[in-house]
Amino acid sequence: MSSVRSRPSRRQLARPPSDLTVKSSHGDVDAGADDPSSRDLSVSRVAGRLEKISSIQKCLESDPVDITSLRQLAISRGGLINDELRRKVWPELLGVDVSSIPPKPDQSVLIAHRDYNQVVLDVNRSLKRFPPGMEEEKRLGLQDQLVDVIMRILVNHNELHYYQGYHDICVTFLLVVGEDLTFALVDQLSTNHLRDFMDVNMERTNHILNYLYPIVEQASPKLCEFMERSEVGTIFCLSWLITWYGHVLTEFRHIVRLYDFFIACHPLMPIYLCAAIVLYRESEILSSECEMCVLHCLLSKIPENLPFEQLISKAGDLYLQYPPTDLANQALIKFKNRNLSKLEKNNQLSSSPVKLLKKPGQKALQVASADQSQGGSVLVKVTVWTLTAALSAAVWAVWNSAADWGWY
């Protein structure tokens, strides 16, 4: 099949195709229901759904819009119910003015960007992210729009770097809200919730991953010890985190339900959901062989039948019980220990009295050896270096308490 960008003409659709809305696969039946069949909904469940729709509409019609209540409704069971409401609520939650979306730059500007070729390659490989049975011409048109959305954001923010998986997030928004609004929403997310993934390297992303074990350890020390002993690490959930689970879940209704949750919450909430999934599978993990390859294979595959409403509730509970402010130091220590461990293996750090740690583009810092006579100098100096090199925007958001995410 030829490249999407080689097509002589492209459709510019203001909204997603009509047959993409009001479909159960897109969550319009009940995005939060663990049972996919609407016929099994109880009378009370239907009544609750209608009541929630009414509550959301009242929040939207209030002057000013009741953002706090909308956030609570997006988090609670069932999320925002359907795509029609998401098109109205997501912009409010992200503070996007839908009436002032800037026009698309000239195509030559988009094509000239450093990441253009990689974006086209990834979008051309994204077939599974579109509804099965969609006409090829319609899908190709949406893929064209997807490329343009991504390039508009990158052109708009030269400091942002595309990463593989970013398109998985963008296509979810595209299928729900259409091209222009997707640009506006993801542009806002890219400078906030997704900012740490869009650095020139993965240091900040790895730092966010380092929150996983402290969360698991607080909830289940036994499980944490087992996983650390296996040396499985955190790579198994990397794609979960950086795609907001869009790449690893098969049912679109589950994906948009999680997006309701993440948009309404703190930027670190996706890592709390990672922990909730790991804890949910605790017995399965502990009954397996304590070996890195075995656990990585087990954990990297998310089961099809996970109870997502239960997991969302668990992630929220974990956040309230073990907020990032309480775990930040442990995450930094995890980062420090793993980096020192790598250095010891590769450079025999323990056999030399002094070694140098260097971050690209910065002067090297001297770090004393781990000898007892040096006291806590390693911990102090490496922690200072870590704070300088890897402290993420998400952590700064926690420490500065700059925004009210409705979870404090």
Protein backbone atom coordinates (compact mmCIF):
# COMPACT_ATOMS: atom_id res chain seq x y z
CA MET A 1 0.00 0.00 0.00
CA SER A 2 1.35 3.44 -0.84
CA SER A 3 2.24 5.96 1.83
CA VAL A 4 -0.60 8.04 3.20
CA ARG A 5 1.21 11.25 2.21
CA SER A 6 1.52 10.17 -1.43
CA ARG A 7 -2.22 10.55 -2.01
CA PRO A 8 -2.98 13.36 -4.51
CA SER A 9 -5.78 14.84 -2.41
CA ARG A 10 -6.82 14.69 1.19
CA ARG A 11 -10.10 15.23 2.93
CA GLN A 12 -10.21 17.93 5.55
CA LEU A 13 -12.98 16.79 7.87
CA ALA A 14 -14.13 19.15 10.59
CA ARG A 15 -15.56 16.22 12.55
CA PRO A 16 -14.98 12.48 12.64
CA PRO A 17 -17.07 10.45 10.16
CA SER A 18 -20.69 10.09 11.23
CA ASP A 19 -20.42 6.32 11.45
CA LEU A 20 -17.69 6.67 14.08
CA THR A 21 -20.09 8.16 16.59
CA VAL A 22 -22.84 6.53 18.57
CA LYS A 23 -21.09 3.18 18.40
CA SER A 24 -20.46 0.92 21.37
CA SER A 25 -16.85 0.48 20.24
CA HIS A 26 -16.38 4.21 20.80
CA GLY A 27 -17.88 4.16 24.23
CA ASP A 28 -21.21 5.79 23.43
CA VAL A 29 -23.23 2.96 24.94
CA ASP A 30 -21.48 3.15 28.30
CA ALA A 31 -17.76 3.74 28.23
CA GLY A 32 -17.38 2.74 31.83
CA ALA A 33 -19.32 -0.50 31.75
CA ASP A 34 -17.29 -3.65 32.19
CA ASP A 35 -20.11 -5.55 30.40
CA PRO A 36 -20.02 -4.57 26.69
CA SER A 37 -23.66 -5.42 26.01
CA SER A 38 -26.10 -2.54 26.53
CA ARG A 39 -28.96 -5.04 26.75
CA ASP A 40 -27.62 -6.25 30.07
CA LEU A 41 -27.81 -2.82 31.67
CA SER A 42 -30.14 -2.81 34.62
CA VAL A 43 -32.95 -0.28 34.95
CA SER A 44 -31.10 1.45 37.78
CA ARG A 45 -27.96 1.61 35.69
CA VAL A 46 -29.80 3.24 32.78
CA ALA A 47 -31.41 5.69 35.17
CA GLY A 48 -28.02 6.49 36.68
CA ARG A 49 -26.57 7.06 33.23
CA LEU A 50 -29.37 9.47 32.26
CA GLU A 51 -29.01 11.29 35.55
CA LYS A 52 -25.29 11.69 34.97
CA ILE A 53 -25.84 13.03 31.45
CA SER A 54 -28.23 15.59 32.92
CA SER A 55 -25.66 16.57 35.57
CA ILE A 56 -22.95 17.05 32.95
CA GLN A 57 -25.22 19.20 30.80
CA LYS A 58 -26.14 21.37 33.79
CA CYS A 59 -22.45 21.93 34.56
CA LEU A 60 -21.84 22.96 30.95
CA GLU A 61 -24.81 25.34 30.96
CA SER A 62 -23.88 27.06 34.22
CA ASP A 63 -22.21 30.46 34.09
CA PRO A 64 -19.33 30.10 34.59
CA VAL A 65 -18.96 26.47 33.61
CA ASP A 66 -18.67 24.31 36.74
CA ILE A 67 -15.21 22.84 36.08
CA THR A 68 -14.85 21.27 39.52
CA SER A 69 -18.05 19.26 39.14
CA LEU A 70 -17.17 18.31 35.56
CA ARG A 71 -13.84 16.97 36.79
CA GLN A 72 -15.59 14.89 39.43
CA LEU A 73 -18.08 13.56 36.89
CA ALA A 74 -15.27 12.64 34.47
CA ILE A 75 -13.51 10.69 37.22
CA SER A 76 -16.56 8.90 38.65
CA ARG A 77 -17.93 5.62 37.31
CA GLY A 78 -18.72 5.69 33.59
CA GLY A 79 -16.74 8.87 32.98
CA LEU A 80 -18.28 11.25 30.44
CA ILE A 81 -20.64 8.59 29.04
CA ASN A 82 -20.37 9.33 25.30
CA ASP A 83 -18.32 11.07 22.64
CA GLU A 84 -20.81 13.90 22.15
CA LEU A 85 -20.28 14.96 25.76
CA ARG A 86 -16.52 14.45 25.50
CA ARG A 87 -16.40 16.94 22.63
CA LYS A 88 -17.92 19.50 24.99
CA VAL A 89 -16.27 18.60 28.29
CA TRP A 90 -12.65 17.82 27.34
CA PRO A 91 -12.02 21.40 26.14
CA GLU A 92 -13.46 22.78 29.38
CA LEU A 93 -11.29 20.52 31.54
CA LEU A 94 -8.18 21.53 29.60
CA GLY A 95 -9.01 25.21 29.39
CA VAL A 96 -9.19 25.26 25.59
CA ASP A 97 -11.13 28.00 23.83
CA VAL A 98 -12.72 26.21 20.87
CA SER A 99 -13.56 29.52 19.20
CA SER A 100 -9.94 30.62 18.78
CA ILE A 101 -8.13 27.61 17.32
CA PRO A 102 -5.37 28.92 15.03
CA PRO A 103 -5.44 27.93 11.35
CA LYS A 104 -3.28 25.15 10.00
CA PRO A 105 0.14 26.28 8.70
CA ASP A 106 1.06 25.82 5.08
CA GLN A 107 1.80 22.20 4.16
CA SER A 108 5.41 23.08 3.30
CA VAL A 109 5.97 24.20 6.89
CA LEU A 110 4.72 20.90 8.27
CA ILE A 111 6.77 18.82 5.85
CA ALA A 112 9.97 20.74 6.65
CA HIS A 113 9.92 19.76 10.34
CA ARG A 114 12.71 17.47 11.60
CA ASP A 115 10.27 14.77 12.78
CA TYR A 116 8.01 14.70 9.72
CA ASN A 117 9.34 11.49 8.15
CA GLN A 118 9.16 9.53 11.41
CA VAL A 119 5.62 10.72 12.04
CA VAL A 120 4.51 9.56 8.58
CA LEU A 121 6.13 6.15 9.12
CA ASP A 122 4.37 5.67 12.46
CA VAL A 123 1.00 6.84 11.19
CA ASN A 124 1.23 4.51 8.20
CA ARG A 125 1.70 1.63 10.66
CA SER A 126 -1.27 2.62 12.83
CA LEU A 127 -3.94 0.57 11.06
CA LYS A 128 -5.07 -1.28 14.16
CA ARG A 129 -6.00 1.98 15.89
CA PHE A 130 -8.87 2.56 13.47
CA PRO A 131 -12.23 0.78 13.75
CA PRO A 132 -12.28 -2.56 11.93
CA GLY A 133 -14.26 -2.50 8.71
CA MET A 134 -13.69 1.20 8.05
CA GLU A 135 -13.48 2.01 4.35
CA GLU A 136 -9.90 2.45 3.19
CA GLU A 137 -10.50 5.89 1.71
CA LYS A 138 -12.00 7.11 4.97
CA ARG A 139 -9.13 5.68 7.00
CA LEU A 140 -6.53 7.21 4.70
CA GLY A 141 -8.23 10.58 5.09
CA LEU A 142 -8.06 10.25 8.88
CA GLN A 143 -4.43 9.20 8.72
CA ASP A 144 -3.69 12.33 6.68
CA GLN A 145 -5.41 14.39 9.37
CA LEU A 146 -3.45 12.57 12.07
CA VAL A 147 -0.13 13.49 10.45
CA ASP A 148 -1.22 17.12 10.15
CA VAL A 149 -2.37 17.30 13.77
CA ILE A 150 0.94 15.99 15.07
CA MET A 151 3.00 18.25 12.83
CA ARG A 152 0.96 21.32 13.77
CA ILE A 153 1.75 20.73 17.43
CA LEU A 154 5.44 20.12 16.83
CA VAL A 155 5.74 23.19 14.61
CA ASN A 156 3.92 25.18 17.29
CA HIS A 157 6.41 24.06 19.98
CA ASN A 158 9.93 23.68 18.70
CA GLU A 159 11.10 22.54 22.15
CA LEU A 160 8.93 19.41 21.93
CA HIS A 161 10.31 16.21 20.42
CA TYR A 162 8.11 13.57 18.84
CA TYR A 163 8.26 10.09 20.35
CA GLN A 164 6.89 6.81 19.05
CA GLY A 165 3.58 6.36 20.80
CA TYR A 166 2.55 10.02 20.67
CA HIS A 167 0.44 9.23 17.60
CA ASP A 168 -1.50 6.67 19.66
CA ILE A 169 -2.71 9.47 21.91
CA CYS A 170 -3.46 11.81 19.01
CA VAL A 171 -5.51 9.24 17.08
CA THR A 172 -7.75 8.66 20.09
CA PHE A 173 -8.62 12.34 20.21
CA LEU A 174 -9.00 12.48 16.43
CA LEU A 175 -11.61 9.71 16.41
CA VAL A 176 -13.61 11.50 19.11
CA VAL A 177 -13.37 15.23 18.40
CA GLY A 178 -12.06 15.74 14.85
CA GLU A 179 -8.92 17.38 13.47
CA ASP A 180 -8.94 21.00 14.65
CA LEU A 181 -10.14 20.29 18.17
CA THR A 182 -7.65 17.42 18.45
CA PHE A 183 -4.88 19.88 17.64
CA ALA A 184 -6.09 22.30 20.32
CA LEU A 185 -6.55 19.64 23.02
CA VAL A 186 -3.34 17.70 22.43
CA ASP A 187 -1.39 20.95 22.03
CA GLN A 188 -2.46 21.83 25.55
CA LEU A 189 -1.71 18.34 26.89
CA SER A 190 1.71 18.34 25.24
CA THR A 191 2.86 21.27 27.35
CA ASN A 192 1.43 19.79 30.55
CA HIS A 193 0.47 16.13 31.06
CA LEU A 194 2.63 14.81 28.21
CA ARG A 195 5.51 17.28 28.46
CA ASP A 196 7.97 14.90 30.15
CA PHE A 197 7.64 12.35 27.36
CA MET A 198 8.59 14.94 24.74
CA ASP A 199 12.10 15.74 25.89
CA VAL A 200 15.15 15.14 23.74
CA ASN A 201 15.85 11.97 25.77
CA MET A 202 14.00 9.62 28.15
CA GLU A 203 15.42 10.79 31.47
CA ARG A 204 12.21 12.41 32.64
CA THR A 205 10.09 9.53 31.38
CA ASN A 206 12.28 7.09 33.31
CA HIS A 207 11.93 9.24 36.38
CA ILE A 208 8.14 8.99 36.19
CA LEU A 209 8.45 5.21 35.81
CA ASN A 210 10.46 5.20 39.03
CA TYR A 211 7.28 6.06 40.95
CA LEU A 212 5.88 2.60 40.22
CA TYR A 213 7.84 0.64 42.80
CA PRO A 214 7.37 3.09 45.69
CA ILE A 215 3.60 2.98 45.11
CA VAL A 216 3.54 -0.83 44.92
CA GLU A 217 5.80 -1.07 47.97
CA GLN A 218 3.44 1.02 50.08
CA ALA A 219 0.45 -1.12 49.10
CA SER A 220 2.18 -4.53 49.06
CA PRO A 221 5.78 -4.81 50.32
CA LYS A 222 5.78 -8.52 49.49
CA LEU A 223 4.90 -7.93 45.84
CA CYS A 224 7.42 -5.12 45.52
CA GLU A 225 10.21 -7.26 46.97
CA PHE A 226 9.35 -10.11 44.59
CA MET A 227 9.43 -7.84 41.55
CA GLU A 228 12.67 -6.15 42.59
CA ARG A 229 14.30 -9.52 43.22
CA SER A 230 13.36 -10.61 39.70
CA GLU A 231 14.91 -7.40 38.28
CA VAL A 232 11.95 -7.03 35.93
CA GLY A 233 12.26 -3.25 36.09
CA THR A 234 9.63 -0.93 34.61
CA ILE A 235 10.07 -1.29 30.85
CA PHE A 236 7.03 -3.58 30.71
CA CYS A 237 4.73 -0.60 31.38
CA LEU A 238 6.56 2.02 29.30
CA SER A 239 4.08 1.77 26.41
CA TRP A 240 1.18 1.97 28.87
CA LEU A 241 2.43 5.25 30.22
CA ILE A 242 3.54 7.11 27.08
CA THR A 243 0.46 6.19 25.02
CA TRP A 244 -2.03 6.58 27.87
CA TYR A 245 -2.78 2.88 27.28
CA GLY A 246 -4.02 3.59 23.74
CA HIS A 247 -1.47 1.25 22.18
CA VAL A 248 -2.09 -1.73 24.48
CA LEU A 249 -5.89 -1.83 24.89
CA THR A 250 -8.06 -3.31 22.18
CA GLU A 251 -11.46 -1.80 23.04
CA PHE A 252 -11.84 1.88 22.27
CA ARG A 253 -14.47 2.36 24.98
CA HIS A 254 -11.90 1.48 27.62
CA ILE A 255 -9.34 3.85 26.11
CA VAL A 256 -11.64 6.90 26.07
CA ARG A 257 -12.83 6.06 29.59
CA LEU A 258 -9.23 6.23 30.78
CA TYR A 259 -8.76 9.51 28.90
CA ASP A 260 -11.71 10.99 30.80
CA PHE A 261 -9.91 10.00 33.98
CA PHE A 262 -6.44 11.20 33.01
CA ILE A 263 -7.59 14.55 31.61
CA ALA A 264 -9.42 15.29 34.86
CA CYS A 265 -6.53 14.27 37.10
CA HIS A 266 -2.94 15.01 37.97
CA PRO A 267 -0.30 14.31 35.26
CA LEU A 268 1.11 11.42 37.30
CA MET A 269 -2.18 9.53 37.45
CA PRO A 270 -1.25 7.13 34.58
CA ILE A 271 1.60 5.71 36.69
CA TYR A 272 -0.81 5.19 39.59
CA LEU A 273 -3.02 3.20 37.22
CA CYS A 274 0.07 1.15 36.29
CA ALA A 275 0.47 0.35 39.98
CA ALA A 276 -3.22 -0.49 40.31
CA ILE A 277 -2.97 -2.99 37.45
CA VAL A 278 0.15 -4.60 38.93
CA LEU A 279 -1.49 -4.87 42.35
CA TYR A 280 -4.64 -6.34 40.82
CA ARG A 281 -2.51 -9.12 39.34
CA GLU A 282 -0.56 -9.71 42.57
CA SER A 283 -1.51 -13.35 43.07
CA GLU A 284 -0.76 -14.13 39.43
CA ILE A 285 2.65 -12.46 39.72
CA LEU A 286 3.61 -14.13 42.99
CA SER A 287 2.67 -17.56 41.65
CA SER A 288 4.98 -17.14 38.66
CA GLU A 289 8.71 -17.79 38.50
CA CYS A 290 10.76 -14.99 40.04
CA GLU A 291 12.76 -14.38 36.90
CA MET A 292 13.05 -11.24 34.81
CA CYS A 293 12.08 -12.70 31.41
CA VAL A 294 9.11 -14.58 32.84
CA LEU A 295 7.72 -11.57 34.68
CA HIS A 296 8.34 -9.18 31.81
CA CYS A 297 6.42 -11.48 29.45
CA LEU A 298 3.58 -11.79 31.96
CA LEU A 299 3.28 -8.11 32.84
CA SER A 300 3.77 -6.61 29.39
CA LYS A 301 0.53 -8.21 28.17
CA ILE A 302 -2.53 -6.53 29.66
CA PRO A 303 -5.42 -9.00 30.07
CA GLU A 304 -8.52 -8.33 27.98
CA ASN A 305 -10.98 -8.59 30.86
CA LEU A 306 -9.60 -6.12 33.37
CA PRO A 307 -12.25 -4.36 35.52
CA PHE A 308 -11.34 -0.82 34.51
CA GLU A 309 -13.80 0.97 36.78
CA GLN A 310 -12.39 -0.93 39.74
CA LEU A 311 -8.84 -0.11 38.65
CA ILE A 312 -9.65 3.58 38.19
CA SER A 313 -11.07 3.66 41.70
CA LYS A 314 -7.98 1.85 43.02
CA ALA A 315 -5.64 4.29 41.25
CA GLY A 316 -7.48 7.19 42.84
CA ASP A 317 -7.24 5.57 46.26
CA LEU A 318 -3.51 4.98 45.80
CA TYR A 319 -3.03 8.62 44.84
CA LEU A 320 -4.85 9.82 47.94
CA GLN A 321 -3.08 7.38 50.26
CA TYR A 322 0.40 7.80 48.78
CA PRO A 323 0.54 11.21 47.06
CA PRO A 324 3.52 12.09 44.87
CA THR A 325 4.80 14.51 47.48
CA ASP A 326 5.34 11.57 49.84
CA LEU A 327 6.94 9.37 47.19
CA ALA A 328 9.15 11.88 45.37
CA ASN A 329 12.25 11.16 47.47
CA GLN A 330 11.83 7.40 47.10
CA ALA A 331 11.49 7.81 43.32
CA LEU A 332 14.70 9.85 43.26
CA ILE A 333 16.51 7.20 45.28
CA LYS A 334 15.27 4.50 42.90
CA PHE A 335 16.60 6.56 40.01
CA LYS A 336 19.94 7.03 41.77
CA ASN A 337 20.33 3.37 42.71
CA ARG A 338 19.56 2.13 39.20
CA ASN A 339 21.97 4.57 37.61
CA LEU A 340 24.73 3.70 40.07
CA SER A 341 24.08 0.01 39.51
CA LYS A 342 24.49 0.46 35.77
CA LEU A 343 27.69 2.43 36.30
CA GLU A 344 29.09 -0.22 38.64
CA LYS A 345 28.42 -2.95 36.10
CA ASN A 346 29.78 -1.05 33.13
CA ASN A 347 32.63 0.92 34.68
CA GLN A 348 33.43 -1.00 37.90
CA LEU A 349 32.51 2.00 40.00
CA SER A 350 33.10 0.29 43.33
CA SER A 351 36.80 -0.33 42.59
CA SER A 352 37.65 3.32 42.01
CA PRO A 353 37.75 6.06 44.69
CA VAL A 354 36.34 8.78 42.42
CA LYS A 355 34.15 8.64 39.34
CA LEU A 356 32.46 11.22 37.18
CA LEU A 357 28.77 11.47 36.39
CA LYS A 358 27.90 13.61 33.42
CA LYS A 359 24.64 14.66 31.87
CA PRO A 360 24.88 15.54 28.16
CA GLY A 361 25.52 19.24 27.81
CA GLN A 362 26.52 19.75 31.46
CA LYS A 363 29.77 19.77 33.41
CA ALA A 364 30.64 16.52 35.14
CA LEU A 365 30.04 16.21 38.86
CA GLN A 366 32.48 14.41 41.12
CA VAL A 367 30.93 11.68 43.21
CA ALA A 368 32.81 10.10 46.07
CA SER A 369 33.02 6.32 46.29
CA ALA A 370 30.54 4.33 48.33
CA ASP A 371 33.14 3.57 50.99
CA GLN A 372 31.83 3.84 54.56
CA SER A 373 34.42 6.46 55.38
CA GLN A 374 32.74 8.87 52.95
CA GLY A 375 29.50 8.79 54.92
CA GLY A 376 26.44 9.87 52.94
CA SER A 377 28.29 11.87 50.29
CA VAL A 378 27.21 9.58 47.45
CA LEU A 379 23.54 9.88 48.33
CA VAL A 380 23.73 13.64 48.76
CA LYS A 381 25.75 14.42 45.64
CA VAL A 382 23.95 11.99 43.37
CA THR A 383 20.58 13.21 44.63
CA VAL A 384 21.59 16.78 43.83
CA TRP A 385 22.67 15.69 40.36
CA THR A 386 19.44 13.76 39.91
CA LEU A 387 17.35 16.76 40.89
CA THR A 388 19.18 18.84 38.30
CA ALA A 389 19.18 16.26 35.53
CA ALA A 390 15.93 14.40 35.84
CA LEU A 391 13.35 16.22 37.93
CA SER A 392 10.29 16.24 35.73
CA ALA A 393 7.71 18.89 35.05
CA ALA A 394 5.14 16.59 36.60
CA VAL A 395 7.08 16.48 39.87
CA TRP A 396 7.53 20.25 39.87
CA ALA A 397 3.78 20.51 39.45
CA VAL A 398 3.35 18.41 42.57
CA TRP A 399 5.91 20.25 44.64
CA ASN A 400 4.74 23.72 43.66
CA SER A 401 1.05 22.85 43.95
CA ALA A 402 0.50 25.11 40.98
CA ALA A 403 -2.80 23.59 39.92
CA ASP A 404 -5.87 22.28 41.68
CA TRP A 405 -6.42 18.84 40.21
CA GLY A 406 -9.25 17.99 42.58
CA TRP A 407 -7.31 15.29 44.41
CA TYR A 408 -5.96 17.16 47.45
